[in-house]
Amino acid sequence: MTASARPNPAVPANALPKSWDPGAVESQVYEGWVNAGYFKADASSNKPPYSIVLPPPNVTGNLHMGHALDHTLMDALTRRKRMQGYEVLWLPGMDHAGIATQSVVEKQLAVDGKTKEDFGRELFIDKVWDWKRESGGTIGWQMRALGDGVDWSRDRFTMDDGLSRAVRTIFKRLFDAGLIYQAERLVNWSPVLETAISDLEVKYEDVEGELVSFRYGSLDDSEPHIVVATTRVETMLGDTAIAVHPDDERYRHLVGHTLPHPFIDRQLIIVADDHVDPEFGTGAVKVTPAHDPNDFEIGLRHQLTMPSIMDTKGRIIDTGTEFDGLDRFEARVKVREALAEQGRVVAEKRPYLHSVGHSERSGEPIEPRLSLQWWVKVESLAKAAGDAVRNGDTAIHPPSLEPRWFAWVDNMHDWCISRQLWWGHRIPIWHGAGGETVCVGPDETPPEGWEQDSDVLDTWFSS
């Protein structure tokens, strides 16, 4: 033994360390609690039950201060109930976080110059599972470091076999009840992620853009023409109408007539619609039903055609013009320049401050886009939720927030539950060669030769 390795007789073996190491001490105490079964719930217990399902953190990363606050509150509640004689279950778990998780793994592949298409669906999903095991372990360690009194023997992941079975069972039940259907409707589209995203995944930011006013119809002021304004001039390639207010005397004589599109062999009908504010701008609005929520509703009311002019990446397509193939922002410049060359640009305001929706996940401006998706009919469900509170069967606490509840359930629109991703619960619909569809439950077998729908379910559906 060297001199440096000999114990120092001046320092007792049981002496307190010079500095406190809470991590080492607390981890030993916590593991002692877990090993002793203090947090396990006994299903056969005669004690009154008390349970909390941990809102599952996304598997995409680390816990943050918000999680720490929530976990502390739940930990205090469950520990207090144990001391009061309750049989307590605090159920842990993690969420597969479809969009967020796929985005993280795709970014990792991009570092090596790869895309998910280079691997194919099955191999890519294997890579996501590998990443989940690594990231999920980090979150589990953080929960232990916090001292969460959860029942680890019941730990769940939202894509575990049992939960996947439950998701397929509920989907089929709703489908068979006529509450799930497929339809082409307007969605928030992310050109970067190439999928529909939820309203809650859209954040609005003020952007210094441009407002371009241009004229449809004759360049001669004495001939029929209408001036419209837009911040997205490229969308005029998908215009199928011009809307004015029914009581606006300036345009009443033009309602029902048409004006030619300057770039496309298409006549734009002039319609009267109460949505139009006659006091705003020129009192006339261009109508692009496939790329604007308000225009979509106008299109439905007036049975307008709804040509989609952008692909999944936000590039102009199917217009038969020189603009096909251009990115939407490139097209914005080129279309404005082409309108100016024809003498149609009346005014340009730049910069023009206006609010633009951005994808919370990928950061780019979202594109309202007509897309074939799967939907849940919410009318009967929302009515039941509203009636439950009105009838006193369900209480909102505090009561002052009842108006918020009613504002939510009384103004719901059908829920888009499909996402154009690879990671997630795949929609249990199979398609036949002749366009037939069948919903397959967890104990059923799809017809031979049929292909499963490529979309996955919105994460919140499985929640």
Protein backbone atom coordinates (compact mmCIF):
# COMPACT_ATOMS: atom_id res chain seq x y z
CA MET A 1 0.00 0.00 0.00
CA THR A 2 1.40 3.38 -0.94
CA ALA A 3 1.54 6.22 1.50
CA SER A 4 -1.11 8.14 -0.42
CA ALA A 5 -3.52 5.19 -0.21
CA ARG A 6 -3.23 4.74 3.56
CA PRO A 7 -6.21 6.00 5.61
CA ASN A 8 -5.63 9.23 7.45
CA PRO A 9 -5.71 8.42 11.16
CA ALA A 10 -6.61 12.04 11.88
CA VAL A 11 -9.98 11.64 10.08
CA PRO A 12 -12.42 9.19 11.73
CA ALA A 13 -14.04 6.71 9.32
CA ASN A 14 -17.53 7.83 10.37
CA ALA A 15 -16.81 11.55 10.11
CA LEU A 16 -19.32 13.80 8.38
CA PRO A 17 -18.28 14.82 4.86
CA LYS A 18 -17.20 18.42 4.39
CA SER A 19 -20.05 19.09 1.94
CA TRP A 20 -23.64 17.85 1.80
CA ASP A 21 -24.47 15.60 -1.16
CA PRO A 22 -28.29 15.59 -1.28
CA GLY A 23 -28.45 13.51 -4.46
CA ALA A 24 -26.65 10.54 -2.95
CA VAL A 25 -28.60 10.61 0.30
CA GLU A 26 -32.04 11.29 -1.18
CA SER A 27 -31.66 8.59 -3.84
CA GLN A 28 -30.93 6.00 -1.15
CA VAL A 29 -33.93 7.09 0.89
CA TYR A 30 -36.21 7.10 -2.16
CA GLU A 31 -35.11 3.67 -3.37
CA GLY A 32 -35.71 2.40 0.13
CA TRP A 33 -39.30 3.64 -0.03
CA VAL A 34 -39.82 2.06 -3.48
CA ASN A 35 -38.28 -1.29 -2.50
CA ALA A 36 -40.40 -1.40 0.64
CA GLY A 37 -43.53 -1.02 -1.50
CA TYR A 38 -44.71 2.18 0.19
CA PHE A 39 -46.10 3.54 -3.10
CA LYS A 40 -47.76 0.35 -4.36
CA ALA A 41 -51.54 0.33 -4.46
CA ASP A 42 -53.34 -2.78 -3.22
CA ALA A 43 -56.36 -3.51 -5.42
CA SER A 44 -57.81 -5.84 -2.75
CA SER A 45 -57.60 -3.23 0.02
CA ASN A 46 -60.73 -2.32 2.01
CA LYS A 47 -59.46 1.22 2.52
CA PRO A 48 -61.27 4.05 0.70
CA PRO A 49 -59.56 4.57 -2.69
CA TYR A 50 -57.79 7.72 -3.84
CA SER A 51 -56.11 7.86 -7.23
CA ILE A 52 -54.43 10.34 -9.53
CA VAL A 53 -53.35 9.61 -13.09
CA LEU A 54 -50.14 11.51 -13.71
CA PRO A 55 -50.63 13.74 -16.78
CA PRO A 56 -48.05 11.87 -18.86
CA PRO A 57 -45.04 14.01 -19.79
CA ASN A 58 -44.03 13.90 -23.43
CA VAL A 59 -41.25 11.45 -24.09
CA THR A 60 -39.54 14.14 -26.20
CA GLY A 61 -37.22 15.53 -23.59
CA ASN A 62 -36.62 16.56 -20.03
CA LEU A 63 -39.02 17.63 -17.32
CA HIS A 64 -39.23 21.39 -16.78
CA MET A 65 -40.25 23.67 -13.90
CA GLY A 66 -43.92 23.31 -14.76
CA HIS A 67 -43.65 19.55 -14.32
CA ALA A 68 -41.81 20.06 -11.03
CA LEU A 69 -44.67 22.20 -9.70
CA ASP A 70 -47.38 19.76 -10.82
CA HIS A 71 -45.52 16.74 -9.47
CA THR A 72 -44.91 18.45 -6.13
CA LEU A 73 -48.62 19.21 -5.72
CA MET A 74 -49.67 15.67 -6.64
CA ASP A 75 -47.00 14.20 -4.38
CA ALA A 76 -48.26 16.27 -1.44
CA LEU A 77 -51.87 15.26 -2.10
CA THR A 78 -51.14 11.54 -2.36
CA ARG A 79 -48.86 11.45 0.70
CA ARG A 80 -51.49 13.27 2.77
CA LYS A 81 -54.18 10.80 1.69
CA ARG A 82 -51.96 7.86 2.68
CA MET A 83 -51.57 9.37 6.14
CA GLN A 84 -55.35 9.76 6.33
CA GLY A 85 -55.90 6.05 5.72
CA TYR A 86 -56.68 5.93 2.01
CA GLU A 87 -55.47 3.29 -0.45
CA VAL A 88 -53.60 5.57 -2.81
CA LEU A 89 -52.69 5.02 -6.45
CA TRP A 90 -50.60 7.63 -8.22
CA LEU A 91 -50.29 6.15 -11.70
CA PRO A 92 -47.17 7.12 -13.69
CA GLY A 93 -46.73 7.09 -17.45
CA MET A 94 -45.37 8.87 -20.51
CA ASP A 95 -46.98 10.17 -23.70
CA HIS A 96 -45.64 9.11 -27.10
CA ALA A 97 -46.09 12.73 -28.34
CA GLY A 98 -46.54 11.92 -32.02
CA ILE A 99 -45.51 15.10 -33.82
CA ALA A 100 -42.92 16.22 -31.29
CA THR A 101 -41.21 12.83 -31.10
CA GLN A 102 -41.11 12.23 -34.85
CA SER A 103 -39.71 15.75 -35.35
CA VAL A 104 -36.88 15.16 -32.87
CA VAL A 105 -35.84 11.88 -34.49
CA GLU A 106 -36.07 13.34 -38.01
CA LYS A 107 -33.78 16.19 -36.95
CA GLN A 108 -31.26 13.66 -35.65
CA LEU A 109 -31.36 11.84 -38.99
CA ALA A 110 -30.94 15.13 -40.85
CA VAL A 111 -27.58 15.67 -39.12
CA ASP A 112 -26.34 12.65 -41.09
CA GLY A 113 -28.05 13.83 -44.26
CA LYS A 114 -30.80 11.21 -43.95
CA THR A 115 -34.60 11.36 -44.05
CA LYS A 116 -37.21 8.96 -42.74
CA GLU A 117 -37.93 7.94 -46.33
CA ASP A 118 -34.37 6.60 -46.59
CA PHE A 119 -35.26 4.00 -43.96
CA GLY A 120 -38.90 3.28 -44.71
CA ARG A 121 -41.74 3.23 -42.22
CA GLU A 122 -40.86 0.12 -40.21
CA LEU A 123 -37.15 0.88 -39.76
CA PHE A 124 -37.88 4.51 -38.91
CA ILE A 125 -40.37 3.47 -36.22
CA ASP A 126 -37.71 1.12 -34.80
CA LYS A 127 -35.38 4.11 -34.52
CA VAL A 128 -38.06 6.10 -32.71
CA TRP A 129 -38.53 3.25 -30.23
CA ASP A 130 -34.76 3.24 -29.62
CA TRP A 131 -34.85 6.97 -28.98
CA LYS A 132 -37.86 6.56 -26.68
CA ARG A 133 -36.03 4.06 -24.50
CA GLU A 134 -33.17 6.52 -24.09
CA SER A 135 -35.26 9.65 -23.50
CA GLY A 136 -37.86 7.88 -21.37
CA GLY A 137 -35.12 6.71 -19.04
CA THR A 138 -34.09 10.31 -18.48
CA ILE A 139 -37.61 11.35 -17.52
CA GLY A 140 -37.97 8.38 -15.17
CA TRP A 141 -34.70 9.33 -13.46
CA GLN A 142 -35.92 12.92 -13.05
CA MET A 143 -39.18 11.75 -11.48
CA ARG A 144 -37.21 9.64 -9.00
CA ALA A 145 -34.97 12.61 -8.25
CA LEU A 146 -38.08 14.64 -7.44
CA GLY A 147 -39.19 11.92 -5.04
CA ASP A 148 -42.46 11.18 -6.85
CA GLY A 149 -44.49 8.68 -4.81
CA VAL A 150 -45.82 6.86 -7.87
CA ASP A 151 -46.55 3.16 -8.22
CA TRP A 152 -43.72 2.20 -10.58
CA SER A 153 -45.09 -1.33 -10.94
CA ARG A 154 -47.94 0.16 -12.98
CA ASP A 155 -45.83 2.46 -15.19
CA ARG A 156 -47.45 2.98 -18.59
CA PHE A 157 -46.57 4.32 -22.04
CA THR A 158 -49.34 5.48 -24.35
CA MET A 159 -48.27 3.02 -27.06
CA ASP A 160 -48.06 -0.03 -24.80
CA ASP A 161 -49.96 -3.05 -26.15
CA GLY A 162 -52.80 -2.71 -23.66
CA LEU A 163 -53.32 0.97 -24.32
CA SER A 164 -53.05 0.48 -28.09
CA ARG A 165 -55.78 -2.12 -27.83
CA ALA A 166 -57.95 0.33 -25.89
CA VAL A 167 -57.43 3.01 -28.54
CA ARG A 168 -58.46 0.65 -31.35
CA THR A 169 -61.49 -0.50 -29.35
CA ILE A 170 -62.73 3.04 -28.75
CA PHE A 171 -62.06 4.06 -32.36
CA LYS A 172 -64.18 1.17 -33.64
CA ARG A 173 -66.93 1.92 -31.13
CA LEU A 174 -67.12 5.55 -32.29
CA PHE A 175 -66.85 4.53 -35.95
CA ASP A 176 -69.67 1.99 -35.65
CA ALA A 177 -71.79 4.65 -33.91
CA GLY A 178 -71.37 6.94 -36.92
CA LEU A 179 -69.30 9.47 -34.98
CA ILE A 180 -66.08 9.03 -37.00
CA TYR A 181 -66.05 9.89 -40.69
CA GLN A 182 -63.65 10.87 -43.47
CA ALA A 183 -64.07 14.16 -45.32
CA GLU A 184 -62.13 16.78 -47.22
CA ARG A 185 -62.16 19.92 -45.11
CA LEU A 186 -59.89 22.82 -44.24
CA VAL A 187 -57.09 22.13 -41.74
CA ASN A 188 -54.04 23.88 -40.30
CA TRP A 189 -51.27 22.48 -42.47
CA SER A 190 -47.57 22.44 -41.60
CA PRO A 191 -45.49 22.42 -44.82
CA VAL A 192 -42.39 21.48 -42.80
CA LEU A 193 -43.95 18.55 -40.94
CA GLU A 194 -46.26 17.78 -43.89
CA THR A 195 -49.23 17.07 -41.65
CA ALA A 196 -52.38 18.62 -40.31
CA ILE A 197 -51.95 20.12 -36.84
CA SER A 198 -54.37 21.10 -34.10
CA ASP A 199 -55.62 24.63 -33.43
CA LEU A 200 -53.79 24.33 -30.10
CA GLU A 201 -50.52 23.73 -31.96
CA VAL A 202 -50.82 27.03 -33.83
CA LYS A 203 -49.34 30.13 -32.19
CA TYR A 204 -50.09 33.57 -33.59
CA GLU A 205 -47.36 36.16 -34.04
CA ASP A 206 -47.37 39.67 -35.46
CA VAL A 207 -45.47 39.70 -38.73
CA GLU A 208 -44.34 42.59 -40.92
CA GLY A 209 -45.70 41.41 -44.24
CA GLU A 210 -47.33 43.18 -47.15
CA LEU A 211 -50.84 44.16 -48.18
CA VAL A 212 -51.37 44.14 -51.93
CA SER A 213 -54.48 45.66 -53.51
CA PHE A 214 -55.19 44.58 -57.08
CA ARG A 215 -58.08 44.66 -59.48
CA TYR A 216 -60.08 41.91 -61.10
CA GLY A 217 -61.87 42.72 -64.33
CA SER A 218 -61.27 45.62 -66.68
CA LEU A 219 -58.35 48.01 -66.33
CA ASP A 220 -60.75 50.69 -67.57
CA ASP A 221 -62.49 52.35 -64.63
CA SER A 222 -65.65 52.72 -66.70
CA GLU A 223 -65.88 48.96 -67.23
CA PRO A 224 -66.80 46.28 -64.62
CA HIS A 225 -63.96 45.71 -62.16
CA ILE A 226 -63.44 45.15 -58.44
CA VAL A 227 -60.42 45.92 -56.27
CA VAL A 228 -59.50 43.42 -53.54
CA ALA A 229 -56.64 43.33 -51.02
CA THR A 230 -54.67 40.44 -49.55
CA THR A 231 -51.59 39.64 -47.48
CA ARG A 232 -51.17 36.33 -49.36
CA VAL A 233 -51.37 37.37 -52.98
CA GLU A 234 -50.20 33.94 -54.18
CA THR A 235 -53.54 32.49 -53.06
CA MET A 236 -55.31 34.43 -55.81
CA LEU A 237 -54.35 31.49 -58.02
CA GLY A 238 -57.03 29.56 -56.14
CA ASP A 239 -59.69 32.28 -56.18
CA THR A 240 -63.09 31.17 -57.47
CA ALA A 241 -65.25 34.12 -56.43
CA ILE A 242 -65.40 37.68 -55.14
CA ALA A 243 -67.70 38.37 -52.20
CA VAL A 244 -69.49 41.62 -51.34
CA HIS A 245 -72.09 42.52 -48.72
CA PRO A 246 -75.71 42.10 -49.88
CA ASP A 247 -76.56 45.70 -48.90
CA ASP A 248 -73.54 47.33 -50.49
CA GLU A 249 -74.94 49.57 -53.22
CA ARG A 250 -71.54 49.89 -54.91
CA TYR A 251 -71.56 46.27 -56.03
CA ARG A 252 -75.21 45.24 -56.04
CA HIS A 253 -75.41 45.52 -59.85
CA LEU A 254 -72.47 43.12 -60.20
CA VAL A 255 -73.78 40.31 -57.99
CA GLY A 256 -74.29 37.19 -60.08
CA HIS A 257 -71.95 38.39 -62.80
CA THR A 258 -68.42 37.10 -63.39
CA LEU A 259 -64.96 38.57 -63.90
CA PRO A 260 -62.12 36.70 -65.63
CA HIS A 261 -59.07 35.45 -63.75
CA PRO A 262 -55.95 37.14 -65.17
CA PHE A 263 -53.77 34.00 -65.23
CA ILE A 264 -56.16 31.05 -65.40
CA ASP A 265 -59.04 30.11 -67.68
CA ARG A 266 -61.60 30.66 -64.94
CA GLN A 267 -64.50 33.02 -64.36
CA LEU A 268 -64.88 34.40 -60.83
CA ILE A 269 -68.51 34.79 -59.80
CA ILE A 270 -69.47 37.76 -57.63
CA VAL A 271 -71.53 36.63 -54.64
CA ALA A 272 -73.37 38.49 -51.88
CA ASP A 273 -72.49 37.27 -48.39
CA ASP A 274 -73.16 38.68 -44.92
CA HIS A 275 -69.65 37.78 -43.81
CA VAL A 276 -68.20 40.71 -45.76
CA ASP A 277 -67.68 43.98 -43.88
CA PRO A 278 -68.61 46.76 -46.31
CA GLU A 279 -66.70 49.28 -44.20
CA PHE A 280 -63.38 47.43 -44.41
CA GLY A 281 -61.10 48.22 -47.33
CA THR A 282 -62.95 48.26 -50.62
CA GLY A 283 -65.84 46.24 -49.19
CA ALA A 284 -64.99 43.33 -51.50
CA VAL A 285 -62.96 40.22 -50.69
CA LYS A 286 -61.30 37.59 -52.84
CA VAL A 287 -62.55 34.08 -52.07
CA THR A 288 -60.05 31.19 -51.97
CA PRO A 289 -62.16 28.36 -50.52
CA ALA A 290 -59.35 25.81 -50.32
CA HIS A 291 -56.90 28.06 -48.47
CA ASP A 292 -58.77 30.29 -46.02
CA PRO A 293 -61.21 29.36 -43.20
CA ASN A 294 -63.66 32.19 -43.85
CA ASP A 295 -63.48 31.65 -47.61
CA PHE A 296 -64.13 27.94 -47.08
CA GLU A 297 -67.40 28.76 -45.29
CA ILE A 298 -68.37 31.20 -48.05
CA GLY A 299 -67.57 28.48 -50.57
CA LEU A 300 -69.89 26.04 -48.80
CA ARG A 301 -72.72 28.58 -48.66
CA HIS A 302 -72.46 29.39 -52.37
CA GLN A 303 -71.46 25.94 -53.71
CA LEU A 304 -68.17 27.25 -55.09
CA THR A 305 -65.48 25.05 -56.59
CA MET A 306 -62.50 24.60 -54.27
CA PRO A 307 -59.27 24.03 -56.20
CA SER A 308 -56.25 23.30 -54.01
CA ILE A 309 -53.17 25.08 -55.32
CA MET A 310 -50.47 23.85 -52.92
CA ASP A 311 -48.88 20.48 -52.27
CA THR A 312 -47.87 19.09 -48.89
CA LYS A 313 -44.64 21.12 -48.91
CA GLY A 314 -46.35 24.43 -49.68
CA ARG A 315 -45.42 24.53 -53.37
CA ILE A 316 -47.79 25.82 -56.05
CA ILE A 317 -49.35 23.01 -58.11
CA ASP A 318 -52.09 22.30 -60.66
CA THR A 319 -52.69 25.89 -61.77
CA GLY A 320 -51.35 25.44 -65.29
CA THR A 321 -49.37 28.66 -64.90
CA GLU A 322 -45.71 29.66 -64.79
CA PHE A 323 -45.99 29.66 -61.00
CA ASP A 324 -46.35 25.89 -60.65
CA GLY A 325 -43.44 24.39 -58.72
CA LEU A 326 -42.61 27.59 -56.83
CA ASP A 327 -42.53 27.70 -53.05
CA ARG A 328 -45.47 29.71 -51.71
CA PHE A 329 -43.24 32.61 -50.62
CA GLU A 330 -41.44 32.70 -53.98
CA ALA A 331 -44.83 32.63 -55.68
CA ARG A 332 -45.98 35.56 -53.53
CA VAL A 333 -43.30 37.74 -55.12
CA LYS A 334 -43.74 36.39 -58.67
CA VAL A 335 -47.54 36.71 -58.66
CA ARG A 336 -47.33 40.29 -57.37
CA GLU A 337 -44.80 41.15 -60.08
CA ALA A 338 -46.96 39.53 -62.77
CA LEU A 339 -50.02 41.47 -61.59
CA ALA A 340 -47.98 44.67 -61.66
CA GLU A 341 -46.85 43.94 -65.23
CA GLN A 342 -50.52 43.78 -66.26
CA GLY A 343 -51.20 47.07 -64.49
CA ARG A 344 -53.49 45.43 -61.93
CA VAL A 345 -51.69 46.40 -58.72
CA VAL A 346 -53.51 49.38 -57.24
CA ALA A 347 -51.59 49.77 -53.97
CA GLU A 348 -48.91 48.08 -51.88
CA LYS A 349 -48.42 48.60 -48.16
CA ARG A 350 -45.11 47.38 -46.82
CA PRO A 351 -44.41 46.66 -44.02
CA TYR A 352 -47.94 45.66 -43.05
CA LEU A 353 -48.22 44.38 -39.49
CA HIS A 354 -50.67 41.51 -39.15
CA SER A 355 -51.13 38.32 -37.12
CA VAL A 356 -49.99 35.06 -38.72
CA GLY A 357 -50.42 31.54 -37.37
CA HIS A 358 -47.20 29.55 -36.97
CA SER A 359 -46.61 25.88 -36.26
CA GLU A 360 -45.69 25.56 -32.61
CA ARG A 361 -43.55 22.52 -33.40
CA SER A 362 -41.63 23.60 -36.49
CA GLY A 363 -41.95 27.39 -36.42
CA GLU A 364 -43.05 28.13 -40.00
CA PRO A 365 -46.30 29.93 -40.98
CA ILE A 366 -49.06 27.36 -41.26
CA GLU A 367 -51.07 27.06 -44.46
CA PRO A 368 -54.85 26.65 -44.32
CA ARG A 369 -55.32 23.76 -46.74
CA LEU A 370 -58.15 21.59 -47.98
CA SER A 371 -57.25 18.04 -47.04
CA LEU A 372 -58.85 14.59 -46.75
CA GLN A 373 -58.84 13.73 -43.04
CA TRP A 374 -60.62 11.66 -40.40
CA TRP A 375 -63.00 13.55 -38.10
CA VAL A 376 -65.08 13.03 -34.96
CA LYS A 377 -68.60 14.47 -34.97
CA VAL A 378 -68.77 16.52 -31.78
CA GLU A 379 -72.29 18.00 -31.85
CA SER A 380 -73.98 15.32 -29.73
CA LEU A 381 -70.94 14.94 -27.46
CA ALA A 382 -70.63 18.69 -26.88
CA LYS A 383 -74.35 19.00 -26.18
CA ALA A 384 -74.14 16.24 -23.57
CA ALA A 385 -71.17 17.97 -21.93
CA GLY A 386 -73.03 21.28 -21.81
CA ASP A 387 -76.28 19.74 -20.54
CA ALA A 388 -74.43 17.92 -17.76
CA VAL A 389 -73.38 21.25 -16.26
CA ARG A 390 -76.69 22.98 -16.95
CA ASN A 391 -78.59 20.14 -15.25
CA GLY A 392 -76.30 20.11 -12.23
CA ASP A 393 -74.92 16.61 -12.89
CA THR A 394 -71.42 18.05 -13.26
CA ALA A 395 -70.03 20.98 -11.28
CA ILE A 396 -67.46 23.45 -12.57
CA HIS A 397 -65.17 24.78 -9.86
CA PRO A 398 -64.97 27.65 -9.37
CA PRO A 399 -68.49 28.48 -10.65
CA SER A 400 -67.21 31.75 -12.10
CA LEU A 401 -65.58 29.72 -14.88
CA GLU A 402 -68.84 28.17 -16.08
CA PRO A 403 -69.08 30.73 -18.92
CA ARG A 404 -65.72 29.54 -20.22
CA TRP A 405 -66.98 25.94 -20.22
CA PHE A 406 -70.10 26.88 -22.17
CA ALA A 407 -68.12 29.06 -24.59
CA TRP A 408 -66.04 25.99 -25.32
CA VAL A 409 -68.67 23.26 -25.64
CA ASP A 410 -71.29 25.45 -27.33
CA ASN A 411 -68.94 26.52 -30.12
CA MET A 412 -67.16 23.30 -30.99
CA HIS A 413 -66.47 22.19 -34.53
CA ASP A 414 -65.75 18.64 -35.61
CA TRP A 415 -62.40 17.31 -34.43
CA CYS A 416 -59.69 16.36 -36.92
CA ILE A 417 -58.10 13.21 -35.46
CA SER A 418 -55.76 12.13 -38.28
CA ARG A 419 -52.12 13.09 -38.71
CA GLN A 420 -49.87 12.42 -41.69
CA LEU A 421 -47.11 10.91 -39.56
CA TRP A 422 -45.46 7.50 -39.10
CA TRP A 423 -45.09 7.54 -35.30
CA GLY A 424 -48.29 7.01 -33.36
CA HIS A 425 -51.41 4.86 -33.19
CA ARG A 426 -52.13 3.94 -36.78
CA ILE A 427 -55.76 4.43 -37.80
CA PRO A 428 -57.50 1.00 -37.79
CA ILE A 429 -59.16 1.48 -41.17
CA TRP A 430 -58.34 -0.79 -44.12
CA HIS A 431 -58.94 0.13 -47.76
CA GLY A 432 -59.85 -2.22 -50.57
CA ALA A 433 -58.75 -1.93 -54.19
CA GLY A 434 -62.20 -0.70 -55.19
CA GLY A 435 -62.30 2.12 -52.65
CA GLU A 436 -64.12 0.11 -49.95
CA THR A 437 -63.25 0.72 -46.30
CA VAL A 438 -63.63 -1.35 -43.16
CA CYS A 439 -62.86 -0.55 -39.53
CA VAL A 440 -61.01 -3.45 -37.90
CA GLY A 441 -61.22 -3.99 -34.14
CA PRO A 442 -58.39 -5.45 -32.02
CA ASP A 443 -59.82 -8.99 -32.24
CA GLU A 444 -60.64 -8.84 -35.95
CA THR A 445 -58.61 -9.61 -39.06
CA PRO A 446 -58.61 -7.25 -42.06
CA PRO A 447 -59.59 -8.66 -45.46
CA GLU A 448 -56.70 -10.22 -47.34
CA GLY A 449 -54.98 -7.84 -49.74
CA TRP A 450 -56.44 -4.70 -48.19
CA GLU A 451 -54.11 -1.89 -47.07
CA GLN A 452 -54.23 -0.09 -43.76
CA ASP A 453 -54.77 3.67 -43.74
CA SER A 454 -51.37 5.39 -43.67
CA ASP A 455 -52.36 8.10 -41.18
CA VAL A 456 -51.95 7.95 -37.41
CA LEU A 457 -54.24 9.32 -34.72
CA ASP A 458 -53.85 12.70 -33.09
CA THR A 459 -52.05 12.16 -29.77
CA TRP A 460 -54.99 13.63 -27.88
CA PHE A 461 -57.31 10.94 -29.24
CA SER A 462 -55.32 8.30 -27.38
CA SER A 463 -55.19 10.54 -24.30
